[in-house]
Amino acid sequence: MRRFPNRSDLVSWVTIGFVLGAAASAGAQNRTSGQVTDEWGNGLAGVTVDAEPTGPGSPQTATSDEDGRFEFGLLSSGDWFFTATLDGYQGVRLRAAISQLSQNRPIEIELPALPQSGSRFRERTEFEADGGTPRFRFEEDGSFEFEDVEGEGEGTYGIVELSAILIVRDYDGPDDKFNVQIPVIVEFSDQTFASLTHDGVQLQQLP
């Protein structure tokens, strides 16, 4: 004769099923993701993100993709330190609470760009071509702003001998005109830095 499960058997099955379901759900929800951007909101690729627990748990390391996104799996519940580093940027360390039983909020990290290596102007210095563009403004903190016929942008710079090496971090114009991996080189005409040349156009220093 076929034996049907009694009430206690059903309760056990339901309980086991619930526990297994909760564990699977927790494993899916516990994947902690995030994104690393620069101060202009651009995703940064190749960022090393280290996760260190303040209590039980093992350290993990992830690397951001081309959009600046990264992901960790199975981080134990508790507070974790996340440290992001990338050459050319100031490293950032932050603390976040991680839970295995609820959806974790994405970890958002912003890395400030370090000034480009090389010398800088001692005070704000501006250059402008006839007609008003192109136009460059260099600041003493290593940042610069510029405008050309297609848009305007900003970034960091450094002067090596008579060349200004410009890293364009943000540009309001054609997306593929500047690449953060390939610096723009601006040549100064002489040791007095009275003028510079950009794309064959000479710009004079403004008084």
N, C-alpha and C. Protein backbone atom coordinates (compact mmCIF):
# COMPACT_ATOMS: atom_id res chain seq x y z
N MET A 1 0.86 -1.19 0.00
CA MET A 1 0.00 0.00 0.00
C MET A 1 0.89 1.24 0.00
N ARG A 2 0.52 2.22 -0.84
CA ARG A 2 1.28 3.48 -0.92
C ARG A 2 1.06 4.30 0.34
N ARG A 3 2.17 4.79 0.89
CA ARG A 3 2.08 5.59 2.12
C ARG A 3 2.10 7.08 1.78
N PHE A 4 1.06 7.78 2.22
CA PHE A 4 1.00 9.22 2.00
C PHE A 4 1.70 9.92 3.15
N PRO A 5 2.37 11.02 2.88
CA PRO A 5 3.07 11.73 3.96
C PRO A 5 2.08 12.27 4.98
N ASN A 6 2.47 12.15 6.24
CA ASN A 6 1.61 12.71 7.27
C ASN A 6 1.90 14.19 7.44
N ARG A 7 1.21 14.82 8.33
CA ARG A 7 1.31 16.27 8.52
C ARG A 7 2.72 16.69 8.94
N SER A 8 3.33 15.87 9.82
CA SER A 8 4.68 16.24 10.29
C SER A 8 5.68 16.17 9.15
N ASP A 9 5.51 15.18 8.25
CA ASP A 9 6.39 15.08 7.10
C ASP A 9 6.27 16.31 6.21
N LEU A 10 5.04 16.76 5.97
CA LEU A 10 4.81 17.93 5.13
C LEU A 10 5.47 19.17 5.72
N VAL A 11 5.34 19.33 7.02
CA VAL A 11 5.95 20.48 7.69
C VAL A 11 7.46 20.45 7.50
N SER A 12 8.07 19.26 7.63
CA SER A 12 9.52 19.14 7.46
C SER A 12 9.94 19.51 6.06
N TRP A 13 9.17 19.00 5.07
CA TRP A 13 9.51 19.30 3.69
C TRP A 13 9.42 20.79 3.40
N VAL A 14 8.36 21.41 3.86
CA VAL A 14 8.18 22.84 3.64
C VAL A 14 9.30 23.63 4.30
N THR A 15 9.67 23.23 5.52
CA THR A 15 10.73 23.94 6.23
C THR A 15 12.05 23.83 5.49
N ILE A 16 12.38 22.60 5.04
CA ILE A 16 13.63 22.40 4.31
C ILE A 16 13.62 23.20 3.02
N GLY A 17 12.48 23.16 2.31
CA GLY A 17 12.38 23.91 1.07
C GLY A 17 12.56 25.40 1.29
N PHE A 18 12.01 25.92 2.38
CA PHE A 18 12.12 27.34 2.68
C PHE A 18 13.56 27.72 2.99
N VAL A 19 14.23 26.88 3.77
CA VAL A 19 15.62 27.17 4.13
C VAL A 19 16.51 27.18 2.89
N LEU A 20 16.34 26.17 2.00
CA LEU A 20 17.15 26.12 0.80
C LEU A 20 16.87 27.31 -0.11
N GLY A 21 15.60 27.70 -0.22
CA GLY A 21 15.24 28.85 -1.04
C GLY A 21 15.84 30.13 -0.50
N ALA A 22 15.81 30.28 0.82
CA ALA A 22 16.37 31.49 1.43
C ALA A 22 17.87 31.55 1.22
N ALA A 23 18.54 30.38 1.31
CA ALA A 23 19.99 30.36 1.12
C ALA A 23 20.35 30.75 -0.31
N ALA A 24 19.59 30.21 -1.29
CA ALA A 24 19.86 30.55 -2.68
C ALA A 24 19.63 32.03 -2.93
N SER A 25 18.55 32.57 -2.36
CA SER A 25 18.26 33.99 -2.52
C SER A 25 19.35 34.85 -1.91
N ALA A 26 19.81 34.45 -0.71
CA ALA A 26 20.86 35.21 -0.04
C ALA A 26 22.13 35.21 -0.87
N GLY A 27 22.47 34.04 -1.48
CA GLY A 27 23.68 33.96 -2.29
C GLY A 27 23.61 34.89 -3.48
N ALA A 28 22.41 35.02 -4.10
CA ALA A 28 22.27 35.90 -5.25
C ALA A 28 22.33 37.36 -4.84
N GLN A 29 21.68 37.68 -3.71
CA GLN A 29 21.62 39.07 -3.27
C GLN A 29 22.95 39.55 -2.71
N ASN A 30 23.78 38.60 -2.24
CA ASN A 30 25.02 39.00 -1.57
C ASN A 30 26.11 39.43 -2.53
N ARG A 31 25.90 39.29 -3.82
CA ARG A 31 26.91 39.74 -4.76
C ARG A 31 26.96 41.26 -4.71
N THR A 32 28.07 41.78 -4.24
CA THR A 32 28.23 43.22 -4.05
C THR A 32 28.89 43.83 -5.28
N SER A 33 28.22 44.78 -5.90
CA SER A 33 28.74 45.40 -7.11
C SER A 33 28.94 46.89 -6.87
N GLY A 34 29.57 47.54 -7.81
CA GLY A 34 29.80 48.98 -7.69
C GLY A 34 30.41 49.54 -8.95
N GLN A 35 30.75 50.82 -8.90
CA GLN A 35 31.35 51.49 -10.06
C GLN A 35 32.35 52.53 -9.58
N VAL A 36 33.45 52.65 -10.32
CA VAL A 36 34.46 53.67 -10.04
C VAL A 36 34.45 54.68 -11.17
N THR A 37 34.33 55.96 -10.82
CA THR A 37 34.33 57.03 -11.82
C THR A 37 35.36 58.09 -11.44
N ASP A 38 35.69 58.95 -12.40
CA ASP A 38 36.51 60.10 -12.07
C ASP A 38 35.60 61.23 -11.63
N GLU A 39 36.17 62.39 -11.34
CA GLU A 39 35.36 63.49 -10.82
C GLU A 39 34.44 64.10 -11.86
N TRP A 40 34.58 63.67 -13.12
CA TRP A 40 33.68 64.14 -14.18
C TRP A 40 32.61 63.11 -14.51
N GLY A 41 32.58 62.01 -13.75
CA GLY A 41 31.55 60.98 -13.96
C GLY A 41 31.89 59.94 -15.00
N ASN A 42 33.13 59.94 -15.52
CA ASN A 42 33.53 58.93 -16.49
C ASN A 42 33.91 57.63 -15.78
N GLY A 43 33.42 56.49 -16.29
CA GLY A 43 33.81 55.21 -15.72
C GLY A 43 35.29 54.94 -15.95
N LEU A 44 35.98 54.43 -14.94
CA LEU A 44 37.43 54.19 -15.03
C LEU A 44 37.69 52.69 -15.14
N ALA A 45 38.37 52.29 -16.20
CA ALA A 45 38.72 50.88 -16.40
C ALA A 45 40.05 50.56 -15.73
N GLY A 46 40.21 49.30 -15.33
CA GLY A 46 41.48 48.84 -14.78
C GLY A 46 41.75 49.27 -13.36
N VAL A 47 40.74 49.73 -12.64
CA VAL A 47 40.92 50.13 -11.24
C VAL A 47 40.98 48.88 -10.36
N THR A 48 41.98 48.82 -9.49
CA THR A 48 42.07 47.72 -8.53
C THR A 48 41.25 48.08 -7.30
N VAL A 49 40.27 47.25 -6.96
CA VAL A 49 39.41 47.47 -5.80
C VAL A 49 39.64 46.33 -4.81
N ASP A 50 40.16 46.66 -3.65
CA ASP A 50 40.40 45.67 -2.61
C ASP A 50 39.30 45.75 -1.55
N ALA A 51 38.76 44.61 -1.17
CA ALA A 51 37.74 44.52 -0.12
C ALA A 51 38.34 43.83 1.09
N GLU A 52 38.33 44.52 2.25
CA GLU A 52 38.90 43.96 3.48
C GLU A 52 37.85 43.98 4.58
N PRO A 53 37.58 42.85 5.22
CA PRO A 53 36.57 42.81 6.29
C PRO A 53 37.11 43.39 7.59
N THR A 54 36.23 43.99 8.37
CA THR A 54 36.63 44.45 9.71
C THR A 54 36.48 43.34 10.73
N GLY A 55 35.79 42.27 10.34
CA GLY A 55 35.60 41.11 11.22
C GLY A 55 35.89 39.84 10.44
N PRO A 56 35.10 38.77 10.68
CA PRO A 56 35.32 37.51 9.96
C PRO A 56 35.15 37.69 8.45
N GLY A 57 35.92 36.93 7.69
CA GLY A 57 35.83 37.01 6.24
C GLY A 57 37.21 37.08 5.62
N SER A 58 37.28 36.79 4.33
CA SER A 58 38.55 36.80 3.61
C SER A 58 38.61 37.98 2.66
N PRO A 59 39.77 38.66 2.58
CA PRO A 59 39.92 39.78 1.63
C PRO A 59 39.71 39.32 0.20
N GLN A 60 39.18 40.21 -0.62
CA GLN A 60 38.99 39.92 -2.04
C GLN A 60 39.48 41.11 -2.86
N THR A 61 39.78 40.85 -4.12
CA THR A 61 40.22 41.89 -5.03
C THR A 61 39.45 41.77 -6.34
N ALA A 62 39.03 42.91 -6.88
CA ALA A 62 38.35 42.95 -8.17
C ALA A 62 38.97 44.04 -9.03
N THR A 63 38.75 43.96 -10.33
CA THR A 63 39.24 44.97 -11.27
C THR A 63 38.07 45.50 -12.08
N SER A 64 37.97 46.81 -12.20
CA SER A 64 36.84 47.41 -12.90
C SER A 64 36.94 47.17 -14.41
N ASP A 65 35.77 47.07 -15.06
CA ASP A 65 35.73 46.85 -16.51
C ASP A 65 35.79 48.19 -17.24
N GLU A 66 35.52 48.18 -18.54
CA GLU A 66 35.66 49.40 -19.35
C GLU A 66 34.67 50.50 -18.93
N ASP A 67 33.61 50.13 -18.23
CA ASP A 67 32.65 51.13 -17.74
C ASP A 67 32.90 51.50 -16.29
N GLY A 68 33.97 50.96 -15.70
CA GLY A 68 34.28 51.25 -14.30
C GLY A 68 33.55 50.36 -13.32
N ARG A 69 32.85 49.33 -13.80
CA ARG A 69 32.05 48.49 -12.91
C ARG A 69 32.87 47.30 -12.39
N PHE A 70 32.58 46.90 -11.15
CA PHE A 70 33.25 45.76 -10.53
C PHE A 70 32.25 44.99 -9.70
N GLU A 71 32.64 43.77 -9.29
CA GLU A 71 31.71 42.94 -8.52
C GLU A 71 32.48 41.99 -7.60
N PHE A 72 31.94 41.81 -6.39
CA PHE A 72 32.44 40.82 -5.44
C PHE A 72 31.32 39.83 -5.15
N GLY A 73 31.68 38.61 -4.84
CA GLY A 73 30.68 37.62 -4.48
C GLY A 73 30.91 37.05 -3.09
N LEU A 74 29.82 36.76 -2.39
CA LEU A 74 29.87 36.06 -1.10
C LEU A 74 30.72 36.77 -0.05
N LEU A 75 30.52 38.06 0.09
CA LEU A 75 31.16 38.78 1.19
C LEU A 75 30.36 38.53 2.45
N SER A 76 31.02 38.23 3.55
CA SER A 76 30.32 37.95 4.80
C SER A 76 29.66 39.22 5.34
N SER A 77 28.61 39.04 6.13
CA SER A 77 27.91 40.19 6.70
C SER A 77 28.82 40.95 7.65
N GLY A 78 28.68 42.26 7.62
CA GLY A 78 29.49 43.11 8.50
C GLY A 78 30.04 44.29 7.73
N ASP A 79 30.89 45.07 8.37
CA ASP A 79 31.50 46.24 7.74
C ASP A 79 32.75 45.83 6.97
N TRP A 80 32.90 46.40 5.79
CA TRP A 80 34.06 46.13 4.93
C TRP A 80 34.69 47.45 4.51
N PHE A 81 36.01 47.42 4.35
CA PHE A 81 36.73 48.56 3.76
C PHE A 81 36.97 48.26 2.29
N PHE A 82 36.65 49.23 1.42
CA PHE A 82 36.89 49.12 -0.01
C PHE A 82 37.92 50.18 -0.41
N THR A 83 39.03 49.73 -1.00
CA THR A 83 40.10 50.63 -1.41
C THR A 83 40.28 50.54 -2.92
N ALA A 84 40.21 51.69 -3.61
CA ALA A 84 40.34 51.73 -5.07
C ALA A 84 41.60 52.50 -5.44
N THR A 85 42.41 51.93 -6.33
CA THR A 85 43.65 52.58 -6.75
C THR A 85 43.82 52.44 -8.26
N LEU A 86 44.40 53.49 -8.86
CA LEU A 86 44.70 53.51 -10.29
C LEU A 86 45.77 54.56 -10.53
N ASP A 87 46.79 54.23 -11.32
CA ASP A 87 47.84 55.19 -11.61
C ASP A 87 47.26 56.47 -12.19
N GLY A 88 47.75 57.61 -11.71
CA GLY A 88 47.27 58.90 -12.18
C GLY A 88 46.11 59.46 -11.39
N TYR A 89 45.64 58.67 -10.37
CA TYR A 89 44.50 59.10 -9.57
C TYR A 89 44.83 58.95 -8.08
N GLN A 90 44.18 59.75 -7.27
CA GLN A 90 44.34 59.64 -5.82
C GLN A 90 43.52 58.46 -5.32
N GLY A 91 44.16 57.54 -4.58
CA GLY A 91 43.45 56.38 -4.07
C GLY A 91 42.37 56.78 -3.07
N VAL A 92 41.31 55.99 -3.01
CA VAL A 92 40.19 56.26 -2.12
C VAL A 92 39.88 55.01 -1.30
N ARG A 93 39.60 55.20 -0.01
CA ARG A 93 39.23 54.10 0.89
C ARG A 93 37.94 54.47 1.59
N LEU A 94 36.95 53.61 1.53
CA LEU A 94 35.67 53.87 2.19
C LEU A 94 35.18 52.62 2.91
N ARG A 95 34.23 52.83 3.82
CA ARG A 95 33.68 51.73 4.63
C ARG A 95 32.21 51.56 4.29
N ALA A 96 31.77 50.32 4.15
CA ALA A 96 30.37 50.04 3.82
C ALA A 96 29.91 48.78 4.54
N ALA A 97 28.64 48.76 4.91
CA ALA A 97 28.05 47.60 5.59
C ALA A 97 27.51 46.63 4.53
N ILE A 98 27.84 45.35 4.70
CA ILE A 98 27.40 44.31 3.77
C ILE A 98 26.49 43.34 4.50
N SER A 99 25.40 42.93 3.84
CA SER A 99 24.46 41.97 4.42
C SER A 99 24.29 40.79 3.48
N GLN A 100 24.19 39.58 4.03
CA GLN A 100 23.94 38.39 3.23
C GLN A 100 22.45 38.16 3.02
N LEU A 101 21.61 38.86 3.75
CA LEU A 101 20.18 38.57 3.72
C LEU A 101 19.36 39.64 3.01
N SER A 102 20.00 40.69 2.52
CA SER A 102 19.26 41.73 1.81
C SER A 102 20.10 42.26 0.66
N GLN A 103 19.43 42.96 -0.24
CA GLN A 103 20.12 43.50 -1.40
C GLN A 103 21.07 44.61 -0.98
N ASN A 104 22.35 44.46 -1.31
CA ASN A 104 23.32 45.48 -0.96
C ASN A 104 23.31 46.62 -1.97
N ARG A 105 23.42 47.84 -1.47
CA ARG A 105 23.48 49.00 -2.36
C ARG A 105 24.80 48.99 -3.12
N PRO A 106 24.83 49.43 -4.38
CA PRO A 106 26.09 49.49 -5.13
C PRO A 106 27.11 50.38 -4.43
N ILE A 107 28.37 49.98 -4.49
CA ILE A 107 29.46 50.77 -3.93
C ILE A 107 29.89 51.79 -4.98
N GLU A 108 29.73 53.06 -4.70
CA GLU A 108 30.10 54.10 -5.65
C GLU A 108 31.37 54.81 -5.17
N ILE A 109 32.39 54.79 -6.01
CA ILE A 109 33.69 55.36 -5.66
C ILE A 109 34.09 56.38 -6.71
N GLU A 110 34.51 57.55 -6.26
CA GLU A 110 34.99 58.60 -7.16
C GLU A 110 36.47 58.85 -6.89
N LEU A 111 37.30 58.72 -7.92
CA LEU A 111 38.74 58.93 -7.78
C LEU A 111 39.12 60.30 -8.34
N PRO A 112 39.66 61.18 -7.51
CA PRO A 112 40.14 62.48 -8.03
C PRO A 112 41.39 62.29 -8.87
N ALA A 113 41.46 62.98 -9.99
CA ALA A 113 42.63 62.89 -10.86
C ALA A 113 43.79 63.66 -10.25
N LEU A 114 44.97 63.06 -10.26
CA LEU A 114 46.17 63.76 -9.80
C LEU A 114 46.66 64.68 -10.91
N PRO A 115 47.25 65.81 -10.54
CA PRO A 115 47.81 66.68 -11.58
C PRO A 115 48.84 65.93 -12.41
N GLN A 116 48.89 66.23 -13.69
CA GLN A 116 49.86 65.58 -14.56
C GLN A 116 51.27 65.91 -14.09
N SER A 117 52.18 64.94 -14.19
CA SER A 117 53.55 65.18 -13.77
C SER A 117 54.19 66.27 -14.62
N GLY A 118 55.12 66.97 -14.05
CA GLY A 118 55.78 68.08 -14.74
C GLY A 118 55.56 69.38 -13.99
N SER A 119 56.07 70.46 -14.56
CA SER A 119 55.94 71.79 -13.93
C SER A 119 54.55 72.36 -14.18
N ARG A 120 54.25 73.42 -13.43
CA ARG A 120 52.97 74.12 -13.60
C ARG A 120 53.23 75.62 -13.63
N PHE A 121 52.25 76.36 -14.11
CA PHE A 121 52.33 77.81 -14.02
C PHE A 121 52.14 78.23 -12.56
N ARG A 122 52.77 79.32 -12.18
CA ARG A 122 52.68 79.78 -10.79
C ARG A 122 51.38 80.51 -10.50
N GLU A 123 50.69 80.90 -11.55
CA GLU A 123 49.39 81.56 -11.41
C GLU A 123 48.56 81.29 -12.65
N ARG A 124 47.30 81.65 -12.60
CA ARG A 124 46.44 81.42 -13.77
C ARG A 124 47.06 82.07 -15.00
N THR A 125 47.18 81.29 -16.08
CA THR A 125 47.77 81.79 -17.33
C THR A 125 46.87 81.38 -18.48
N GLU A 126 46.53 82.37 -19.32
CA GLU A 126 45.58 82.12 -20.41
C GLU A 126 46.20 82.41 -21.76
N PHE A 127 45.81 81.60 -22.75
CA PHE A 127 46.25 81.77 -24.13
C PHE A 127 45.03 81.78 -25.03
N GLU A 128 45.10 82.62 -26.09
CA GLU A 128 43.95 82.73 -26.98
C GLU A 128 44.44 83.01 -28.39
N ALA A 129 43.79 82.37 -29.38
CA ALA A 129 44.11 82.61 -30.79
C ALA A 129 43.32 83.79 -31.32
N ASP A 130 43.72 84.33 -32.44
CA ASP A 130 42.94 85.38 -33.09
C ASP A 130 41.55 84.84 -33.39
N GLY A 131 40.54 85.62 -33.04
CA GLY A 131 39.17 85.18 -33.24
C GLY A 131 38.56 84.54 -32.01
N GLY A 132 39.40 84.30 -30.98
CA GLY A 132 38.86 83.81 -29.70
C GLY A 132 39.01 82.33 -29.44
N THR A 133 39.17 81.51 -30.50
CA THR A 133 39.35 80.07 -30.29
C THR A 133 40.44 79.56 -31.23
N PRO A 134 41.22 78.59 -30.79
CA PRO A 134 41.18 77.91 -29.48
C PRO A 134 41.57 78.85 -28.34
N ARG A 135 41.20 78.42 -27.12
CA ARG A 135 41.51 79.20 -25.91
C ARG A 135 41.87 78.21 -24.80
N PHE A 136 42.95 78.52 -24.07
CA PHE A 136 43.39 77.67 -22.96
C PHE A 136 43.54 78.51 -21.70
N ARG A 137 43.17 77.92 -20.55
CA ARG A 137 43.40 78.57 -19.26
C ARG A 137 44.03 77.54 -18.32
N PHE A 138 45.26 77.80 -17.93
CA PHE A 138 45.99 76.91 -17.04
C PHE A 138 45.96 77.45 -15.61
N GLU A 139 45.68 76.57 -14.65
CA GLU A 139 45.66 76.96 -13.25
C GLU A 139 46.90 76.44 -12.54
N GLU A 140 47.26 77.09 -11.43
CA GLU A 140 48.46 76.70 -10.69
C GLU A 140 48.34 75.35 -10.00
N ASP A 141 47.12 74.83 -9.85
CA ASP A 141 46.93 73.53 -9.18
C ASP A 141 47.07 72.34 -10.12
N GLY A 142 47.41 72.60 -11.39
CA GLY A 142 47.59 71.50 -12.34
C GLY A 142 46.37 71.19 -13.19
N SER A 143 45.31 71.98 -13.06
CA SER A 143 44.12 71.78 -13.89
C SER A 143 44.10 72.80 -15.03
N PHE A 144 43.34 72.51 -16.05
CA PHE A 144 43.19 73.47 -17.16
C PHE A 144 41.81 73.34 -17.77
N GLU A 145 41.40 74.39 -18.46
CA GLU A 145 40.16 74.40 -19.22
C GLU A 145 40.49 74.91 -20.62
N PHE A 146 39.72 74.48 -21.59
CA PHE A 146 39.98 74.94 -22.95
C PHE A 146 38.70 74.96 -23.77
N GLU A 147 38.79 75.66 -24.88
CA GLU A 147 37.66 75.73 -25.81
C GLU A 147 38.22 75.69 -27.22
N ASP A 148 37.59 74.89 -28.09
CA ASP A 148 37.94 74.90 -29.50
C ASP A 148 36.67 75.10 -30.31
N VAL A 149 36.77 74.97 -31.63
CA VAL A 149 35.62 75.28 -32.48
C VAL A 149 34.49 74.27 -32.32
N GLU A 150 34.77 73.11 -31.74
CA GLU A 150 33.74 72.07 -31.64
C GLU A 150 33.18 71.88 -30.25
N GLY A 151 33.80 72.47 -29.24
CA GLY A 151 33.32 72.28 -27.89
C GLY A 151 34.28 72.82 -26.86
N GLU A 152 34.12 72.37 -25.62
CA GLU A 152 34.99 72.82 -24.54
C GLU A 152 35.23 71.65 -23.59
N GLY A 153 36.31 71.73 -22.83
CA GLY A 153 36.65 70.64 -21.94
C GLY A 153 37.57 71.08 -20.82
N GLU A 154 38.02 70.10 -20.04
CA GLU A 154 38.88 70.37 -18.90
C GLU A 154 39.68 69.12 -18.57
N GLY A 155 40.70 69.30 -17.75
CA GLY A 155 41.52 68.16 -17.38
C GLY A 155 42.70 68.60 -16.54
N THR A 156 43.80 67.84 -16.62
CA THR A 156 45.00 68.14 -15.87
C THR A 156 46.18 68.29 -16.84
N TYR A 157 47.22 69.00 -16.41
CA TYR A 157 48.35 69.24 -17.30
C TYR A 157 49.66 69.21 -16.52
N GLY A 158 50.75 69.10 -17.26
CA GLY A 158 52.10 69.24 -16.73
C GLY A 158 52.99 69.75 -17.83
N ILE A 159 53.98 70.55 -17.50
CA ILE A 159 54.88 71.12 -18.50
C ILE A 159 56.23 70.44 -18.41
N VAL A 160 56.65 69.81 -19.50
CA VAL A 160 57.95 69.16 -19.59
C VAL A 160 58.75 69.88 -20.67
N GLU A 161 59.83 70.56 -20.25
CA GLU A 161 60.62 71.41 -21.14
C GLU A 161 59.68 72.44 -21.78
N LEU A 162 59.50 72.41 -23.09
CA LEU A 162 58.62 73.39 -23.73
C LEU A 162 57.34 72.76 -24.26
N SER A 163 56.93 71.65 -23.64
CA SER A 163 55.70 71.00 -24.05
C SER A 163 54.73 70.89 -22.87
N ALA A 164 53.49 71.26 -23.11
CA ALA A 164 52.44 71.07 -22.10
C ALA A 164 51.72 69.77 -22.44
N ILE A 165 51.76 68.82 -21.51
CA ILE A 165 51.10 67.53 -21.71
C ILE A 165 49.73 67.60 -21.06
N LEU A 166 48.69 67.53 -21.85
CA LEU A 166 47.32 67.73 -21.38
C LEU A 166 46.56 66.41 -21.35
N ILE A 167 45.97 66.09 -20.21
CA ILE A 167 45.08 64.94 -20.09
C ILE A 167 43.65 65.48 -20.06
N VAL A 168 42.92 65.28 -21.14
CA VAL A 168 41.54 65.78 -21.24
C VAL A 168 40.63 64.79 -20.52
N ARG A 169 40.08 65.20 -19.38
CA ARG A 169 39.23 64.32 -18.58
C ARG A 169 37.76 64.42 -18.99
N ASP A 170 37.36 65.57 -19.48
CA ASP A 170 35.95 65.76 -19.83
C ASP A 170 35.90 66.72 -21.01
N TYR A 171 35.07 66.39 -22.00
CA TYR A 171 34.98 67.22 -23.20
C TYR A 171 33.55 67.26 -23.70
N ASP A 172 33.02 68.44 -23.91
CA ASP A 172 31.68 68.63 -24.44
C ASP A 172 31.81 68.87 -25.94
N GLY A 173 31.91 67.80 -26.68
CA GLY A 173 32.11 67.86 -28.12
C GLY A 173 32.11 66.44 -28.66
N PRO A 174 32.71 66.20 -29.84
CA PRO A 174 32.76 64.84 -30.39
C PRO A 174 33.40 63.87 -29.41
N ASP A 175 32.72 62.76 -29.13
CA ASP A 175 33.16 61.82 -28.11
C ASP A 175 34.53 61.23 -28.39
N ASP A 176 34.86 61.02 -29.67
CA ASP A 176 36.10 60.35 -30.01
C ASP A 176 37.24 61.30 -30.34
N LYS A 177 37.04 62.59 -30.08
CA LYS A 177 38.10 63.55 -30.43
C LYS A 177 39.28 63.45 -29.49
N PHE A 178 39.03 63.20 -28.20
CA PHE A 178 40.09 63.09 -27.22
C PHE A 178 39.98 61.75 -26.50
N ASN A 179 41.13 61.17 -26.21
CA ASN A 179 41.19 59.89 -25.50
C ASN A 179 42.02 60.11 -24.25
N VAL A 180 41.46 59.78 -23.09
CA VAL A 180 42.16 60.02 -21.83
C VAL A 180 43.48 59.25 -21.77
N GLN A 181 43.60 58.15 -22.56
CA GLN A 181 44.83 57.37 -22.56
C GLN A 181 45.92 58.00 -23.43
N ILE A 182 45.54 58.92 -24.32
CA ILE A 182 46.50 59.54 -25.24
C ILE A 182 46.52 61.05 -24.97
N PRO A 183 47.55 61.56 -24.32
CA PRO A 183 47.58 62.98 -23.98
C PRO A 183 47.71 63.88 -25.20
N VAL A 184 47.27 65.11 -25.04
CA VAL A 184 47.40 66.13 -26.08
C VAL A 184 48.67 66.93 -25.77
N ILE A 185 49.51 67.14 -26.77
CA ILE A 185 50.75 67.88 -26.58
C ILE A 185 50.61 69.27 -27.17
N VAL A 186 50.89 70.29 -26.36
CA VAL A 186 50.87 71.68 -26.80
C VAL A 186 52.30 72.21 -26.70
N GLU A 187 52.81 72.80 -27.77
CA GLU A 187 54.19 73.29 -27.80
C GLU A 187 54.23 74.79 -27.55
N PHE A 188 55.15 75.20 -26.66
CA PHE A 188 55.37 76.63 -26.43
C PHE A 188 56.44 77.13 -27.40
N SER A 189 56.32 78.39 -27.78
CA SER A 189 57.21 78.94 -28.81
C SER A 189 58.61 79.21 -28.30
N ASP A 190 58.73 79.67 -27.05
CA ASP A 190 60.05 79.99 -26.52
C ASP A 190 60.04 79.87 -24.99
N GLN A 191 61.18 80.15 -24.38
CA GLN A 191 61.34 79.99 -22.94
C GLN A 191 60.48 80.96 -22.12
N THR A 192 59.97 81.99 -22.72
CA THR A 192 59.15 82.96 -21.97
C THR A 192 57.69 82.52 -21.88
N PHE A 193 57.33 81.46 -22.61
CA PHE A 193 55.95 80.95 -22.61
C PHE A 193 54.95 82.03 -23.03
N ALA A 194 55.41 82.90 -23.94
CA ALA A 194 54.55 83.99 -24.40
C ALA A 194 53.49 83.51 -25.38
N SER A 195 53.72 82.39 -26.03
CA SER A 195 52.74 81.86 -26.99
C SER A 195 52.89 80.34 -27.07
N LEU A 196 51.87 79.70 -27.59
CA LEU A 196 51.92 78.25 -27.78
C LEU A 196 51.23 77.89 -29.09
N THR A 197 51.46 76.66 -29.53
CA THR A 197 50.88 76.19 -30.79
C THR A 197 50.05 74.95 -30.54
N HIS A 198 48.83 74.94 -31.07
CA HIS A 198 47.92 73.81 -30.93
C HIS A 198 47.27 73.54 -32.27
N ASP A 199 47.48 72.33 -32.81
CA ASP A 199 46.93 71.96 -34.12
C ASP A 199 47.33 72.95 -35.20
N GLY A 200 48.55 73.44 -35.14
CA GLY A 200 49.06 74.36 -36.15
C GLY A 200 48.60 75.80 -35.97
N VAL A 201 47.83 76.07 -34.91
CA VAL A 201 47.34 77.43 -34.66
C VAL A 201 48.13 78.03 -33.51
N GLN A 202 48.62 79.25 -33.67
CA GLN A 202 49.38 79.90 -32.62
C GLN A 202 48.45 80.72 -31.73
N LEU A 203 48.64 80.58 -30.41
CA LEU A 203 47.86 81.31 -29.44
C LEU A 203 48.81 82.20 -28.63
N GLN A 204 48.39 83.41 -28.37
CA GLN A 204 49.18 84.35 -27.60
C GLN A 204 48.73 84.38 -26.13
N GLN A 205 49.70 84.58 -25.23
CA GLN A 205 49.36 84.67 -23.82
C GLN A 205 48.63 85.99 -23.57
N LEU A 206 47.53 85.91 -22.84
CA LEU A 206 46.75 87.11 -22.54
C LEU A 206 47.38 87.85 -21.36
N PRO A 207 47.33 89.18 -21.38
CA PRO A 207 47.93 89.95 -20.28
C PRO A 207 47.17 89.75 -18.97
